[in-house]
C-alpha cells in the first residue's frame, strides 16, 4: 500500500477531501521524522513505537582490498509494533 492508497482510503471512508488528508499525512510524517532526528521516540498506543536505536561500533572487512575498517557508533530509526498490532497481523 502506498501513500496515495492510504490517502484514497481515508478520504473514501471519512468523506474528507484528499488534499486535506494528504496534507495531514505529510505533516504527521514530518513530525515523526523531526522527533526521531532529535532523539525523541514517538509512541502510538495500540499501533506501535517509532524509536531511535543506537548501533555500537564494530569492525568490518573490505574483502577486495583486504583491509579492516571501523564502523563508528551510529543511530538508526526503527519501528516496534504494539502487541495488539502483532496479534491482528497474525
C-alpha atoms as a PDB file:
ATOM      1  CA  UNK A   1       0.000   0.000   0.000  1.00  0.00           C
ATOM      2  CA  UNK A   2       1.407   3.384  -0.993  1.00  0.00           C
ATOM      3  CA  UNK A   3       0.888   6.828   0.498  1.00  0.00           C
ATOM      4  CA  UNK A   4      -1.605   7.588  -2.306  1.00  0.00           C
ATOM      5  CA  UNK A   5      -3.559   4.419  -1.452  1.00  0.00           C
ATOM      6  CA  UNK A   6      -3.700   5.455   2.205  1.00  0.00           C
ATOM      7  CA  UNK A   7      -4.923   8.944   1.280  1.00  0.00           C
ATOM      8  CA  UNK A   8      -7.606   7.489  -1.018  1.00  0.00           C
ATOM      9  CA  UNK A   9      -8.798   5.023   1.635  1.00  0.00           C
ATOM     10  CA  UNK A  10      -9.008   7.650   4.388  1.00  0.00           C
ATOM     11  CA  UNK A  11     -10.758  10.085   2.060  1.00  0.00           C
ATOM     12  CA  UNK A  12     -13.254   7.453   0.948  1.00  0.00           C
ATOM     13  CA  UNK A  13     -14.116   6.232   4.458  1.00  0.00           C
ATOM     14  CA  UNK A  14     -14.264   9.628   6.204  1.00  0.00           C
ATOM     15  CA  UNK A  15     -15.551  11.884   3.428  1.00  0.00           C
ATOM     16  CA  UNK A  16     -12.692  14.350   3.925  1.00  0.00           C
ATOM     17  CA  UNK A  17     -11.210  15.702   0.699  1.00  0.00           C
ATOM     18  CA  UNK A  18      -7.958  14.146  -0.498  1.00  0.00           C
ATOM     19  CA  UNK A  19      -5.931  17.359  -0.330  1.00  0.00           C
ATOM     20  CA  UNK A  20      -6.647  17.749   3.400  1.00  0.00           C
ATOM     21  CA  UNK A  21      -5.867  14.110   4.103  1.00  0.00           C
ATOM     22  CA  UNK A  22      -2.608  14.329   2.150  1.00  0.00           C
ATOM     23  CA  UNK A  23      -1.569  17.493   3.998  1.00  0.00           C
ATOM     24  CA  UNK A  24      -2.324  15.865   7.361  1.00  0.00           C
ATOM     25  CA  UNK A  25      -0.423  12.700   6.459  1.00  0.00           C
ATOM     26  CA  UNK A  26       2.585  14.715   5.227  1.00  0.00           C
ATOM     27  CA  UNK A  27       2.611  16.748   8.464  1.00  0.00           C
ATOM     28  CA  UNK A  28       2.403  13.545  10.555  1.00  0.00           C
ATOM     29  CA  UNK A  29       5.399  12.057   8.751  1.00  0.00           C
ATOM     30  CA  UNK A  30       7.338  15.329   9.116  1.00  0.00           C
ATOM     31  CA  UNK A  31       6.682  15.416  12.878  1.00  0.00           C
ATOM     32  CA  UNK A  32       7.774  11.786  13.285  1.00  0.00           C
ATOM     33  CA  UNK A  33      10.982  12.445  11.296  1.00  0.00           C
ATOM     34  CA  UNK A  34      11.770  15.600  13.281  1.00  0.00           C
ATOM     35  CA  UNK A  35      11.154  13.836  16.588  1.00  0.00           C
ATOM     36  CA  UNK A  36      13.446  10.938  15.674  1.00  0.00           C
ATOM     37  CA  UNK A  37      16.103  13.360  14.420  1.00  0.00           C
ATOM     38  CA  UNK A  38      16.090  14.968  17.885  1.00  0.00           C
ATOM     39  CA  UNK A  39      16.318  11.580  19.693  1.00  0.00           C
ATOM     40  CA  UNK A  40      12.659  11.665  20.762  1.00  0.00           C
ATOM     41  CA  UNK A  41      10.695   8.439  20.385  1.00  0.00           C
ATOM     42  CA  UNK A  42       7.091   8.527  19.117  1.00  0.00           C
ATOM     43  CA  UNK A  43       4.590   6.248  20.887  1.00  0.00           C
ATOM     44  CA  UNK A  44       1.218   5.436  19.295  1.00  0.00           C
ATOM     45  CA  UNK A  45      -0.797   3.311  21.725  1.00  0.00           C
ATOM     46  CA  UNK A  46      -2.316   0.279  20.030  1.00  0.00           C
ATOM     47  CA  UNK A  47      -0.172   0.739  16.909  1.00  0.00           C
ATOM     48  CA  UNK A  48       3.499   0.838  17.843  1.00  0.00           C
ATOM     49  CA  UNK A  49       6.537   2.980  18.542  1.00  0.00           C
ATOM     50  CA  UNK A  50       8.922   4.789  16.254  1.00  0.00           C
ATOM     51  CA  UNK A  51      12.218   4.620  18.138  1.00  0.00           C
ATOM     52  CA  UNK A  52      15.850   5.567  17.696  1.00  0.00           C
ATOM     53  CA  UNK A  53      18.272   2.662  18.117  1.00  0.00           C
ATOM     54  CA  UNK A  54      21.996   3.043  18.653  1.00  0.00           C
ATOM     55  CA  UNK A  55      24.236   0.664  16.768  1.00  0.00           C
ATOM     56  CA  UNK A  56      27.531   0.098  18.532  1.00  0.00           C
ATOM     57  CA  UNK A  57      30.930   0.486  16.921  1.00  0.00           C
ATOM     58  CA  UNK A  58      32.091  -2.566  15.018  1.00  0.00           C
ATOM     59  CA  UNK A  59      34.919  -3.824  12.876  1.00  0.00           C
ATOM     60  CA  UNK A  60      34.264  -4.771   9.260  1.00  0.00           C
ATOM     61  CA  UNK A  61      36.402  -6.047   6.414  1.00  0.00           C
ATOM     62  CA  UNK A  62      36.787  -4.754   2.879  1.00  0.00           C
ATOM     63  CA  UNK A  63      37.344  -8.058   1.084  1.00  0.00           C
ATOM     64  CA  UNK A  64      38.502  -6.559  -2.222  1.00  0.00           C
ATOM     65  CA  UNK A  65      41.302  -4.526  -0.603  1.00  0.00           C
ATOM     66  CA  UNK A  66      41.846  -6.992   2.264  1.00  0.00           C
ATOM     67  CA  UNK A  67      41.666  -4.229   4.864  1.00  0.00           C
ATOM     68  CA  UNK A  68      39.883  -3.766   8.154  1.00  0.00           C
ATOM     69  CA  UNK A  69      37.699  -0.723   8.732  1.00  0.00           C
ATOM     70  CA  UNK A  70      35.949   0.519  11.858  1.00  0.00           C
ATOM     71  CA  UNK A  71      32.309   1.469  11.517  1.00  0.00           C
ATOM     72  CA  UNK A  72      31.580   4.096  14.203  1.00  0.00           C
ATOM     73  CA  UNK A  73      28.613   4.037  16.560  1.00  0.00           C
ATOM     74  CA  UNK A  74      25.539   5.441  14.823  1.00  0.00           C
ATOM     75  CA  UNK A  75      21.794   5.823  15.284  1.00  0.00           C
ATOM     76  CA  UNK A  76      19.057   4.355  13.119  1.00  0.00           C
ATOM     77  CA  UNK A  77      15.262   4.743  13.107  1.00  0.00           C
ATOM     78  CA  UNK A  78      13.212   1.658  13.908  1.00  0.00           C
ATOM     79  CA  UNK A  79       9.571   0.658  14.379  1.00  0.00           C
ATOM     80  CA  UNK A  80       8.383  -1.634  17.154  1.00  0.00           C
ATOM     81  CA  UNK A  81       4.767  -2.777  16.679  1.00  0.00           C
ATOM     82  CA  UNK A  82       2.393  -2.942  19.659  1.00  0.00           C
ATOM     83  CA  UNK A  83       1.171  -6.317  20.957  1.00  0.00           C
ATOM     84  CA  UNK A  84      -2.363  -5.603  19.722  1.00  0.00           C
ATOM     85  CA  UNK A  85      -0.994  -4.807  16.262  1.00  0.00           C
ATOM     86  CA  UNK A  86       1.046  -8.016  16.213  1.00  0.00           C
ATOM     87  CA  UNK A  87      -1.969 -10.092  17.208  1.00  0.00           C
ATOM     88  CA  UNK A  88      -4.122  -8.526  14.485  1.00  0.00           C
ATOM     89  CA  UNK A  89      -1.487  -9.301  11.849  1.00  0.00           C
ATOM     90  CA  UNK A  90      -1.242 -12.934  12.963  1.00  0.00           C
END
